[in-house]
PDB file of N, CA and C in Angstrom:
ATOM      1  N   MET A   1      32.662 -14.469  21.688  1.00  0.00           N
ATOM      2  CA  MET A   1      31.413 -15.153  21.440  1.00  0.00           C
ATOM      3  C   MET A   1      30.460 -14.207  20.729  1.00  0.00           C
ATOM      4  N   GLN A   2      29.772 -14.702  19.722  1.00  0.00           N
ATOM      5  CA  GLN A   2      28.838 -13.868  18.975  1.00  0.00           C
ATOM      6  C   GLN A   2      27.411 -14.194  19.367  1.00  0.00           C
ATOM      7  N   ALA A   3      26.596 -13.142  19.415  1.00  0.00           N
ATOM      8  CA  ALA A   3      25.178 -13.324  19.697  1.00  0.00           C
ATOM      9  C   ALA A   3      24.432 -13.459  18.379  1.00  0.00           C
ATOM     10  N   ILE A   4      23.374 -14.208  18.371  1.00  0.00           N
ATOM     11  CA  ILE A   4      22.533 -14.332  17.191  1.00  0.00           C
ATOM     12  C   ILE A   4      21.196 -13.679  17.514  1.00  0.00           C
ATOM     13  N   THR A   5      20.828 -12.717  16.717  1.00  0.00           N
ATOM     14  CA  THR A   5      19.583 -11.985  16.950  1.00  0.00           C
ATOM     15  C   THR A   5      18.407 -12.747  16.382  1.00  0.00           C
ATOM     16  N   ARG A   6      17.227 -12.234  16.634  1.00  0.00           N
ATOM     17  CA  ARG A   6      16.009 -12.843  16.093  1.00  0.00           C
ATOM     18  C   ARG A   6      16.009 -12.877  14.574  1.00  0.00           C
ATOM     19  N   THR A   7      16.660 -11.898  13.943  1.00  0.00           N
ATOM     20  CA  THR A   7      16.679 -11.851  12.487  1.00  0.00           C
ATOM     21  C   THR A   7      17.731 -12.780  11.903  1.00  0.00           C
ATOM     22  N   GLY A   8      18.518 -13.414  12.777  1.00  0.00           N
ATOM     23  CA  GLY A   8      19.527 -14.340  12.294  1.00  0.00           C
ATOM     24  C   GLY A   8      20.853 -13.674  11.952  1.00  0.00           C
ATOM     25  N   LEU A   9      20.992 -12.395  12.248  1.00  0.00           N
ATOM     26  CA  LEU A   9      22.234 -11.694  11.950  1.00  0.00           C
ATOM     27  C   LEU A   9      23.270 -12.014  13.015  1.00  0.00           C
ATOM     28  N   ASN A  10      24.507 -12.217  12.622  1.00  0.00           N
ATOM     29  CA  ASN A  10      25.587 -12.411  13.576  1.00  0.00           C
ATOM     30  C   ASN A  10      26.172 -11.061  13.938  1.00  0.00           C
ATOM     31  N   SER A  11      26.453 -10.874  15.216  1.00  0.00           N
ATOM     32  CA  SER A  11      26.977  -9.605  15.670  1.00  0.00           C
ATOM     33  C   SER A  11      27.715  -9.797  16.972  1.00  0.00           C
ATOM     34  N   SER A  12      28.470  -8.781  17.357  1.00  0.00           N
ATOM     35  CA  SER A  12      29.151  -8.841  18.641  1.00  0.00           C
ATOM     36  C   SER A  12      28.169  -8.644  19.777  1.00  0.00           C
ATOM     37  N   GLY A  13      26.955  -8.244  19.452  1.00  0.00           N
ATOM     38  CA  GLY A  13      25.924  -8.143  20.466  1.00  0.00           C
ATOM     39  C   GLY A  13      25.562  -6.740  20.874  1.00  0.00           C
ATOM     40  N   THR A  14      26.323  -5.732  20.480  1.00  0.00           N
ATOM     41  CA  THR A  14      25.962  -4.376  20.872  1.00  0.00           C
ATOM     42  C   THR A  14      24.867  -3.851  19.963  1.00  0.00           C
ATOM     43  N   THR A  15      24.099  -2.911  20.476  1.00  0.00           N
ATOM     44  CA  THR A  15      23.023  -2.322  19.687  1.00  0.00           C
ATOM     45  C   THR A  15      23.566  -1.664  18.433  1.00  0.00           C
ATOM     46  N   THR A  16      24.696  -0.985  18.545  1.00  0.00           N
ATOM     47  CA  THR A  16      25.306  -0.327  17.391  1.00  0.00           C
ATOM     48  C   THR A  16      25.685  -1.340  16.323  1.00  0.00           C
ATOM     49  N   ASP A  17      26.282  -2.448  16.740  1.00  0.00           N
ATOM     50  CA  ASP A  17      26.669  -3.483  15.785  1.00  0.00           C
ATOM     51  C   ASP A  17      25.452  -4.107  15.123  1.00  0.00           C
ATOM     52  N   LEU A  18      24.399  -4.343  15.892  1.00  0.00           N
ATOM     53  CA  LEU A  18      23.184  -4.935  15.336  1.00  0.00           C
ATOM     54  C   LEU A  18      22.546  -4.008  14.309  1.00  0.00           C
ATOM     55  N   ALA A  19      22.496  -2.720  14.601  1.00  0.00           N
ATOM     56  CA  ALA A  19      21.930  -1.752  13.662  1.00  0.00           C
ATOM     57  C   ALA A  19      22.776  -1.678  12.399  1.00  0.00           C
ATOM     58  N   ARG A  20      24.079  -1.696  12.570  1.00  0.00           N
ATOM     59  CA  ARG A  20      24.982  -1.646  11.412  1.00  0.00           C
ATOM     60  C   ARG A  20      24.775  -2.875  10.531  1.00  0.00           C
ATOM     61  N   ASP A  21      24.699  -4.061  11.147  1.00  0.00           N
ATOM     62  CA  ASP A  21      24.473  -5.289  10.391  1.00  0.00           C
ATOM     63  C   ASP A  21      23.153  -5.239   9.646  1.00  0.00           C
ATOM     64  N   LEU A  22      22.120  -4.750  10.302  1.00  0.00           N
ATOM     65  CA  LEU A  22      20.808  -4.661   9.670  1.00  0.00           C
ATOM     66  C   LEU A  22      20.869  -3.731   8.461  1.00  0.00           C
ATOM     67  N   GLY A  23      21.463  -2.560   8.630  1.00  0.00           N
ATOM     68  CA  GLY A  23      21.591  -1.629   7.513  1.00  0.00           C
ATOM     69  C   GLY A  23      22.355  -2.217   6.347  1.00  0.00           C
ATOM     70  N   ASP A  24      23.393  -2.984   6.650  1.00  0.00           N
ATOM     71  CA  ASP A  24      24.194  -3.606   5.593  1.00  0.00           C
ATOM     72  C   ASP A  24      23.424  -4.698   4.857  1.00  0.00           C
ATOM     73  N   ASP A  25      22.480  -5.335   5.530  1.00  0.00           N
ATOM     74  CA  ASP A  25      21.747  -6.459   4.948  1.00  0.00           C
ATOM     75  C   ASP A  25      20.487  -6.053   4.175  1.00  0.00           C
ATOM     76  N   ILE A  26      20.016  -4.848   4.347  1.00  0.00           N
ATOM     77  CA  ILE A  26      18.782  -4.424   3.681  1.00  0.00           C
ATOM     78  C   ILE A  26      19.053  -4.184   2.198  1.00  0.00           C
ATOM     79  N   GLU A  27      18.309  -4.863   1.347  1.00  0.00           N
ATOM     80  CA  GLU A  27      18.451  -4.709  -0.105  1.00  0.00           C
ATOM     81  C   GLU A  27      17.567  -3.582  -0.647  1.00  0.00           C
ATOM     82  N   SER A  28      16.394  -3.401  -0.048  1.00  0.00           N
ATOM     83  CA  SER A  28      15.505  -2.333  -0.490  1.00  0.00           C
ATOM     84  C   SER A  28      14.540  -1.997   0.636  1.00  0.00           C
ATOM     85  N   ALA A  29      14.136  -0.727   0.676  1.00  0.00           N
ATOM     86  CA  ALA A  29      13.194  -0.292   1.703  1.00  0.00           C
ATOM     87  C   ALA A  29      12.698   1.107   1.365  1.00  0.00           C
ATOM     88  N   THR A  30      11.588   1.462   1.967  1.00  0.00           N
ATOM     89  CA  THR A  30      11.017   2.786   1.765  1.00  0.00           C
ATOM     90  C   THR A  30      11.813   3.826   2.544  1.00  0.00           C
ATOM     91  N   LEU A  31      12.209   4.881   1.834  1.00  0.00           N
ATOM     92  CA  LEU A  31      12.914   5.992   2.465  1.00  0.00           C
ATOM     93  C   LEU A  31      11.933   6.933   3.152  1.00  0.00           C
ATOM     94  N   GLY A  32      10.753   7.079   2.563  1.00  0.00           N
ATOM     95  CA  GLY A  32       9.748   7.952   3.138  1.00  0.00           C
ATOM     96  C   GLY A  32       8.765   8.434   2.099  1.00  0.00           C
ATOM     97  N   THR A  33       7.898   9.312   2.553  1.00  0.00           N
ATOM     98  CA  THR A  33       6.879   9.926   1.695  1.00  0.00           C
ATOM     99  C   THR A  33       7.069  11.429   1.744  1.00  0.00           C
ATOM    100  N   ASP A  34       7.144  12.048   0.566  1.00  0.00           N
ATOM    101  CA  ASP A  34       7.322  13.504   0.552  1.00  0.00           C
ATOM    102  C   ASP A  34       5.977  14.195   0.786  1.00  0.00           C
ATOM    103  N   VAL A  35       6.009  15.519   0.939  1.00  0.00           N
ATOM    104  CA  VAL A  35       4.784  16.257   1.281  1.00  0.00           C
ATOM    105  C   VAL A  35       3.759  16.255   0.152  1.00  0.00           C
ATOM    106  N   GLU A  36       4.173  15.897  -1.057  1.00  0.00           N
ATOM    107  CA  GLU A  36       3.229  15.806  -2.168  1.00  0.00           C
ATOM    108  C   GLU A  36       2.611  14.414  -2.275  1.00  0.00           C
ATOM    109  N   GLY A  37       3.008  13.504  -1.368  1.00  0.00           N
ATOM    110  CA  GLY A  37       2.425  12.170  -1.332  1.00  0.00           C
ATOM    111  C   GLY A  37       3.144  11.119  -2.149  1.00  0.00           C
ATOM    112  N   PHE A  38       4.321  11.433  -2.667  1.00  0.00           N
ATOM    113  CA  PHE A  38       5.105  10.465  -3.434  1.00  0.00           C
ATOM    114  C   PHE A  38       5.948   9.620  -2.484  1.00  0.00           C
ATOM    115  N   ASP A  39       5.935   8.308  -2.697  1.00  0.00           N
ATOM    116  CA  ASP A  39       6.747   7.386  -1.904  1.00  0.00           C
ATOM    117  C   ASP A  39       8.090   7.193  -2.589  1.00  0.00           C
ATOM    118  N   HIS A  40       9.159   7.217  -1.801  1.00  0.00           N
ATOM    119  CA  HIS A  40      10.521   7.063  -2.307  1.00  0.00           C
ATOM    120  C   HIS A  40      11.069   5.754  -1.746  1.00  0.00           C
ATOM    121  N   HIS A  41      11.494   4.867  -2.656  1.00  0.00           N
ATOM    122  CA  HIS A  41      11.946   3.535  -2.270  1.00  0.00           C
ATOM    123  C   HIS A  41      13.345   3.299  -2.829  1.00  0.00           C
ATOM    124  N   TYR A  42      14.273   2.879  -1.962  1.00  0.00           N
ATOM    125  CA  TYR A  42      15.659   2.639  -2.359  1.00  0.00           C
ATOM    126  C   TYR A  42      15.857   1.175  -2.730  1.00  0.00           C
ATOM    127  N   TRP A  43      16.538   0.944  -3.862  1.00  0.00           N
ATOM    128  CA  TRP A  43      16.906  -0.399  -4.324  1.00  0.00           C
ATOM    129  C   TRP A  43      18.421  -0.447  -4.419  1.00  0.00           C
ATOM    130  N   ARG A  44      19.060  -1.152  -3.490  1.00  0.00           N
ATOM    131  CA  ARG A  44      20.527  -1.184  -3.414  1.00  0.00           C
ATOM    132  C   ARG A  44      21.168  -1.809  -4.650  1.00  0.00           C
ATOM    133  N   GLY A  45      20.644  -2.924  -5.134  1.00  0.00           N
ATOM    134  CA  GLY A  45      21.246  -3.612  -6.276  1.00  0.00           C
ATOM    135  C   GLY A  45      21.348  -2.741  -7.513  1.00  0.00           C
ATOM    136  N   ALA A  46      20.381  -1.863  -7.713  1.00  0.00           N
ATOM    137  CA  ALA A  46      20.381  -0.958  -8.860  1.00  0.00           C
ATOM    138  C   ALA A  46      20.954   0.408  -8.500  1.00  0.00           C
ATOM    139  N   ASP A  47      21.254   0.618  -7.228  1.00  0.00           N
ATOM    140  CA  ASP A  47      21.729   1.910  -6.719  1.00  0.00           C
ATOM    141  C   ASP A  47      20.820   3.037  -7.212  1.00  0.00           C
ATOM    142  N   CYS A  48      19.529   2.860  -6.925  1.00  0.00           N
ATOM    143  CA  CYS A  48      18.572   3.862  -7.387  1.00  0.00           C
ATOM    144  C   CYS A  48      17.450   4.067  -6.372  1.00  0.00           C
ATOM    145  N   VAL A  49      16.757   5.174  -6.552  1.00  0.00           N
ATOM    146  CA  VAL A  49      15.552   5.469  -5.796  1.00  0.00           C
ATOM    147  C   VAL A  49      14.404   5.485  -6.794  1.00  0.00           C
ATOM    148  N   VAL A  50      13.355   4.735  -6.490  1.00  0.00           N
ATOM    149  CA  VAL A  50      12.161   4.721  -7.327  1.00  0.00           C
ATOM    150  C   VAL A  50      11.103   5.529  -6.598  1.00  0.00           C
ATOM    151  N   VAL A  51      10.529   6.489  -7.314  1.00  0.00           N
ATOM    152  CA  VAL A  51       9.510   7.362  -6.740  1.00  0.00           C
ATOM    153  C   VAL A  51       8.159   6.926  -7.302  1.00  0.00           C
ATOM    154  N   TYR A  52       7.234   6.633  -6.395  1.00  0.00           N
ATOM    155  CA  TYR A  52       5.910   6.139  -6.771  1.00  0.00           C
ATOM    156  C   TYR A  52       4.845   7.173  -6.440  1.00  0.00           C
ATOM    157  N   ASP A  53       3.841   7.269  -7.313  1.00  0.00           N
ATOM    158  CA  ASP A  53       2.637   8.010  -6.979  1.00  0.00           C
ATOM    159  C   ASP A  53       1.493   7.001  -6.967  1.00  0.00           C
ATOM    160  N   ASP A  54       0.255   7.462  -6.897  1.00  0.00           N
ATOM    161  CA  ASP A  54      -0.874   6.533  -6.820  1.00  0.00           C
ATOM    162  C   ASP A  54      -1.130   5.800  -8.140  1.00  0.00           C
ATOM    163  N   GLN A  55      -0.453   6.193  -9.206  1.00  0.00           N
ATOM    164  CA  GLN A  55      -0.595   5.535 -10.508  1.00  0.00           C
ATOM    165  C   GLN A  55       0.510   4.514 -10.775  1.00  0.00           C
ATOM    166  N   GLY A  56       1.567   4.532  -9.983  1.00  0.00           N
ATOM    167  CA  GLY A  56       2.699   3.631 -10.197  1.00  0.00           C
ATOM    168  C   GLY A  56       4.010   4.396 -10.151  1.00  0.00           C
ATOM    169  N   VAL A  57       4.967   3.980 -10.957  1.00  0.00           N
ATOM    170  CA  VAL A  57       6.292   4.609 -10.960  1.00  0.00           C
ATOM    171  C   VAL A  57       6.210   5.986 -11.604  1.00  0.00           C
ATOM    172  N   ASP A  58       6.665   6.985 -10.875  1.00  0.00           N
ATOM    173  CA  ASP A  58       6.704   8.354 -11.378  1.00  0.00           C
ATOM    174  C   ASP A  58       8.097   8.708 -11.890  1.00  0.00           C
ATOM    175  N   HIS A  59       9.132   8.215 -11.202  1.00  0.00           N
ATOM    176  CA  HIS A  59      10.504   8.608 -11.541  1.00  0.00           C
ATOM    177  C   HIS A  59      11.478   7.577 -10.981  1.00  0.00           C
ATOM    178  N   ILE A  60      12.568   7.350 -11.692  1.00  0.00           N
ATOM    179  CA  ILE A  60      13.662   6.528 -11.184  1.00  0.00           C
ATOM    180  C   ILE A  60      14.915   7.393 -11.203  1.00  0.00           C
ATOM    181  N   GLU A  61      15.549   7.501 -10.051  1.00  0.00           N
ATOM    182  CA  GLU A  61      16.783   8.272  -9.930  1.00  0.00           C
ATOM    183  C   GLU A  61      17.935   7.313  -9.674  1.00  0.00           C
ATOM    184  N   TYR A  62      18.782   7.118 -10.689  1.00  0.00           N
ATOM    185  CA  TYR A  62      19.965   6.287 -10.529  1.00  0.00           C
ATOM    186  C   TYR A  62      21.034   7.131  -9.852  1.00  0.00           C
ATOM    187  N   LEU A  63      21.529   6.653  -8.733  1.00  0.00           N
ATOM    188  CA  LEU A  63      22.479   7.438  -7.957  1.00  0.00           C
ATOM    189  C   LEU A  63      23.874   7.444  -8.562  1.00  0.00           C
ATOM    190  N   GLY A  64      24.230   6.426  -9.314  1.00  0.00           N
ATOM    191  CA  GLY A  64      25.514   6.412 -10.005  1.00  0.00           C
ATOM    192  C   GLY A  64      26.698   6.633  -9.085  1.00  0.00           C
ATOM    193  N   GLY A  65      26.646   6.059  -7.893  1.00  0.00           N
ATOM    194  CA  GLY A  65      27.743   6.203  -6.951  1.00  0.00           C
ATOM    195  C   GLY A  65      27.581   7.355  -5.977  1.00  0.00           C
ATOM    196  N   ARG A  66      26.624   8.255  -6.228  1.00  0.00           N
ATOM    197  CA  ARG A  66      26.376   9.329  -5.257  1.00  0.00           C
ATOM    198  C   ARG A  66      25.782   8.724  -3.994  1.00  0.00           C
ATOM    199  N   VAL A  67      26.035   9.335  -2.858  1.00  0.00           N
ATOM    200  CA  VAL A  67      25.498   8.811  -1.606  1.00  0.00           C
ATOM    201  C   VAL A  67      23.996   9.068  -1.523  1.00  0.00           C
ATOM    202  N   LEU A  68      23.311   8.132  -0.908  1.00  0.00           N
ATOM    203  CA  LEU A  68      21.860   8.190  -0.765  1.00  0.00           C
ATOM    204  C   LEU A  68      21.413   9.434  -0.017  1.00  0.00           C
ATOM    205  N   ASP A  69      22.225   9.896   0.901  1.00  0.00           N
ATOM    206  CA  ASP A  69      21.888  11.085   1.669  1.00  0.00           C
ATOM    207  C   ASP A  69      21.691  12.304   0.770  1.00  0.00           C
ATOM    208  N   ASP A  70      22.378  12.334  -0.385  1.00  0.00           N
ATOM    209  CA  ASP A  70      22.189  13.443  -1.333  1.00  0.00           C
ATOM    210  C   ASP A  70      20.748  13.493  -1.827  1.00  0.00           C
ATOM    211  N   TRP A  71      20.144  12.318  -2.069  1.00  0.00           N
ATOM    212  CA  TRP A  71      18.753  12.277  -2.539  1.00  0.00           C
ATOM    213  C   TRP A  71      17.807  12.749  -1.443  1.00  0.00           C
ATOM    214  N   LEU A  72      18.042  12.308  -0.208  1.00  0.00           N
ATOM    215  CA  LEU A  72      17.183  12.743   0.892  1.00  0.00           C
ATOM    216  C   LEU A  72      17.250  14.254   1.073  1.00  0.00           C
ATOM    217  N   ALA A  73      18.457  14.817   0.947  1.00  0.00           N
ATOM    218  CA  ALA A  73      18.623  16.267   1.077  1.00  0.00           C
ATOM    219  C   ALA A  73      17.942  16.998  -0.074  1.00  0.00           C
ATOM    220  N   TYR A  74      18.051  16.450  -1.283  1.00  0.00           N
ATOM    221  CA  TYR A  74      17.401  17.058  -2.444  1.00  0.00           C
ATOM    222  C   TYR A  74      15.886  17.106  -2.254  1.00  0.00           C
ATOM    223  N   VAL A  75      15.295  15.991  -1.850  1.00  0.00           N
ATOM    224  CA  VAL A  75      13.845  15.951  -1.644  1.00  0.00           C
ATOM    225  C   VAL A  75      13.449  16.896  -0.513  1.00  0.00           C
ATOM    226  N   ALA A  76      14.229  16.937   0.549  1.00  0.00           N
ATOM    227  CA  ALA A  76      13.939  17.844   1.663  1.00  0.00           C
ATOM    228  C   ALA A  76      13.903  19.288   1.186  1.00  0.00           C
ATOM    229  N   HIS A  77      14.816  19.632   0.290  1.00  0.00           N
ATOM    230  CA  HIS A  77      14.886  21.005  -0.216  1.00  0.00           C
ATOM    231  C   HIS A  77      13.787  21.311  -1.228  1.00  0.00           C
ATOM    232  N   GLU A  78      13.539  20.382  -2.150  1.00  0.00           N
ATOM    233  CA  GLU A  78      12.596  20.624  -3.243  1.00  0.00           C
ATOM    234  C   GLU A  78      11.121  20.432  -2.856  1.00  0.00           C
ATOM    235  N   ARG A  79      10.838  19.437  -2.039  1.00  0.00           N
ATOM    236  CA  ARG A  79       9.447  19.115  -1.699  1.00  0.00           C
ATOM    237  C   ARG A  79       9.200  19.093  -0.201  1.00  0.00           C
ATOM    238  N   GLY A  80      10.154  18.585   0.521  1.00  0.00           N
ATOM    239  CA  GLY A  80       9.998  18.345   1.949  1.00  0.00           C
ATOM    240  C   GLY A  80       9.506  16.927   2.192  1.00  0.00           C
ATOM    241  N   TRP A  81       9.832  16.409   3.362  1.00  0.00           N
ATOM    242  CA  TRP A  81       9.412  15.066   3.732  1.00  0.00           C
ATOM    243  C   TRP A  81       8.198  15.146   4.644  1.00  0.00           C
ATOM    244  N   ASP A  82       7.207  14.299   4.367  1.00  0.00           N
ATOM    245  CA  ASP A  82       6.056  14.163   5.261  1.00  0.00           C
ATOM    246  C   ASP A  82       6.382  13.129   6.325  1.00  0.00           C
ATOM    247  N   THR A  83       6.897  11.978   5.896  1.00  0.00           N
ATOM    248  CA  THR A  83       7.320  10.924   6.816  1.00  0.00           C
ATOM    249  C   THR A  83       8.631  10.327   6.311  1.00  0.00           C
ATOM    250  N   ILE A  84       9.413   9.834   7.238  1.00  0.00           N
ATOM    251  CA  ILE A  84      10.660   9.156   6.913  1.00  0.00           C
ATOM    252  C   ILE A  84      10.481   7.689   7.276  1.00  0.00           C
ATOM    253  N   GLY A  85      10.938   6.793   6.402  1.00  0.00           N
ATOM    254  CA  GLY A  85      10.822   5.359   6.636  1.00  0.00           C
ATOM    255  C   GLY A  85      11.570   4.913   7.880  1.00  0.00           C
ATOM    256  N   GLN A  86      11.115   3.826   8.472  1.00  0.00           N
ATOM    257  CA  GLN A  86      11.676   3.339   9.731  1.00  0.00           C
ATOM    258  C   GLN A  86      13.149   2.976   9.651  1.00  0.00           C
ATOM    259  N   VAL A  87      13.603   2.526   8.503  1.00  0.00           N
ATOM    260  CA  VAL A  87      15.011   2.116   8.384  1.00  0.00           C
ATOM    261  C   VAL A  87      15.809   3.038   7.468  1.00  0.00           C
ATOM    262  N   ALA A  88      15.267   4.196   7.147  1.00  0.00           N
ATOM    263  CA  ALA A  88      15.957   5.121   6.239  1.00  0.00           C
ATOM    264  C   ALA A  88      17.330   5.510   6.768  1.00  0.00           C
ATOM    265  N   GLY A  89      17.435   5.791   8.035  1.00  0.00           N
ATOM    266  CA  GLY A  89      18.725   6.169   8.615  1.00  0.00           C
ATOM    267  C   GLY A  89      19.756   5.066   8.497  1.00  0.00           C
ATOM    268  N   LEU A  90      19.316   3.822   8.711  1.00  0.00           N
ATOM    269  CA  LEU A  90      20.222   2.680   8.579  1.00  0.00           C
ATOM    270  C   LEU A  90      20.687   2.530   7.136  1.00  0.00           C
ATOM    271  N   LEU A  91      19.768   2.737   6.191  1.00  0.00           N
ATOM    272  CA  LEU A  91      20.123   2.645   4.772  1.00  0.00           C
ATOM    273  C   LEU A  91      21.138   3.706   4.383  1.00  0.00           C
ATOM    274  N   VAL A  92      20.924   4.931   4.850  1.00  0.00           N
ATOM    275  CA  VAL A  92      21.829   6.032   4.520  1.00  0.00           C
ATOM    276  C   VAL A  92      23.232   5.746   5.047  1.00  0.00           C
ATOM    277  N   GLU A  93      23.329   5.283   6.287  1.00  0.00           N
ATOM    278  CA  GLU A  93      24.636   4.989   6.878  1.00  0.00           C
ATOM    279  C   GLU A  93      25.329   3.835   6.154  1.00  0.00           C
ATOM    280  N   ALA A  94      24.591   2.767   5.856  1.00  0.00           N
ATOM    281  CA  ALA A  94      25.177   1.629   5.154  1.00  0.00           C
ATOM    282  C   ALA A  94      25.632   2.025   3.754  1.00  0.00           C
ATOM    283  N   ASP A  95      24.820   2.834   3.078  1.00  0.00           N
ATOM    284  CA  ASP A  95      25.168   3.306   1.737  1.00  0.00           C
ATOM    285  C   ASP A  95      26.443   4.149   1.784  1.00  0.00           C
ATOM    286  N   ARG A  96      26.540   5.021   2.760  1.00  0.00           N
ATOM    287  CA  ARG A  96      27.732   5.870   2.890  1.00  0.00           C
ATOM    288  C   ARG A  96      28.970   5.016   3.151  1.00  0.00           C
ATOM    289  N   ARG A  97      28.861   4.016   4.031  1.00  0.00           N
ATOM    290  CA  ARG A  97      30.011   3.143   4.302  1.00  0.00           C
ATOM    291  C   ARG A  97      30.456   2.420   3.043  1.00  0.00           C
ATOM    292  N   ARG A  98      29.502   1.909   2.262  1.00  0.00           N
ATOM    293  CA  ARG A  98      29.861   1.187   1.034  1.00  0.00           C
ATOM    294  C   ARG A  98      30.534   2.105   0.035  1.00  0.00           C
ATOM    295  N   LYS A  99      29.960   3.278  -0.175  1.00  0.00           N
ATOM    296  CA  LYS A  99      30.451   4.161  -1.240  1.00  0.00           C
ATOM    297  C   LYS A  99      31.706   4.943  -0.860  1.00  0.00           C
ATOM    298  N   GLU A 100      31.884   5.193   0.427  1.00  0.00           N
ATOM    299  CA  GLU A 100      33.063   5.937   0.862  1.00  0.00           C
ATOM    300  C   GLU A 100      34.132   5.021   1.425  1.00  0.00           C
ATOM    301  N   GLY A 101      33.871   3.705   1.393  1.00  0.00           N
ATOM    302  CA  GLY A 101      34.860   2.741   1.851  1.00  0.00           C
ATOM    303  C   GLY A 101      35.148   2.795   3.332  1.00  0.00           C
ATOM    304  N   ILE A 102      34.158   3.187   4.093  1.00  0.00           N
ATOM    305  CA  ILE A 102      34.324   3.277   5.562  1.00  0.00           C
ATOM    306  C   ILE A 102      34.169   1.916   6.195  1.00  0.00           C
TER     307      ILE A 102
END
């Protein structure tokens, strides 16, 4: 028997399964804000991260099949993160499963 969550996702009902389903269903979300105040937003359909400043789009990084975690590590090394988005971890895991065929 499958449970139906408030978001309408079908799952076996475990917290792990629900989180996995949510990560798989997210098309785009904020990854976080770096220490310089730039917001990083992931767009799954384009497989890219769009970096915004207070003027608009500052940079677009097309991942080209690279895992999203590589971008988070790069920003951590080059600038550092001020805040991490609420679903960033779910996005990273879902992205890794898709790209590594897990």
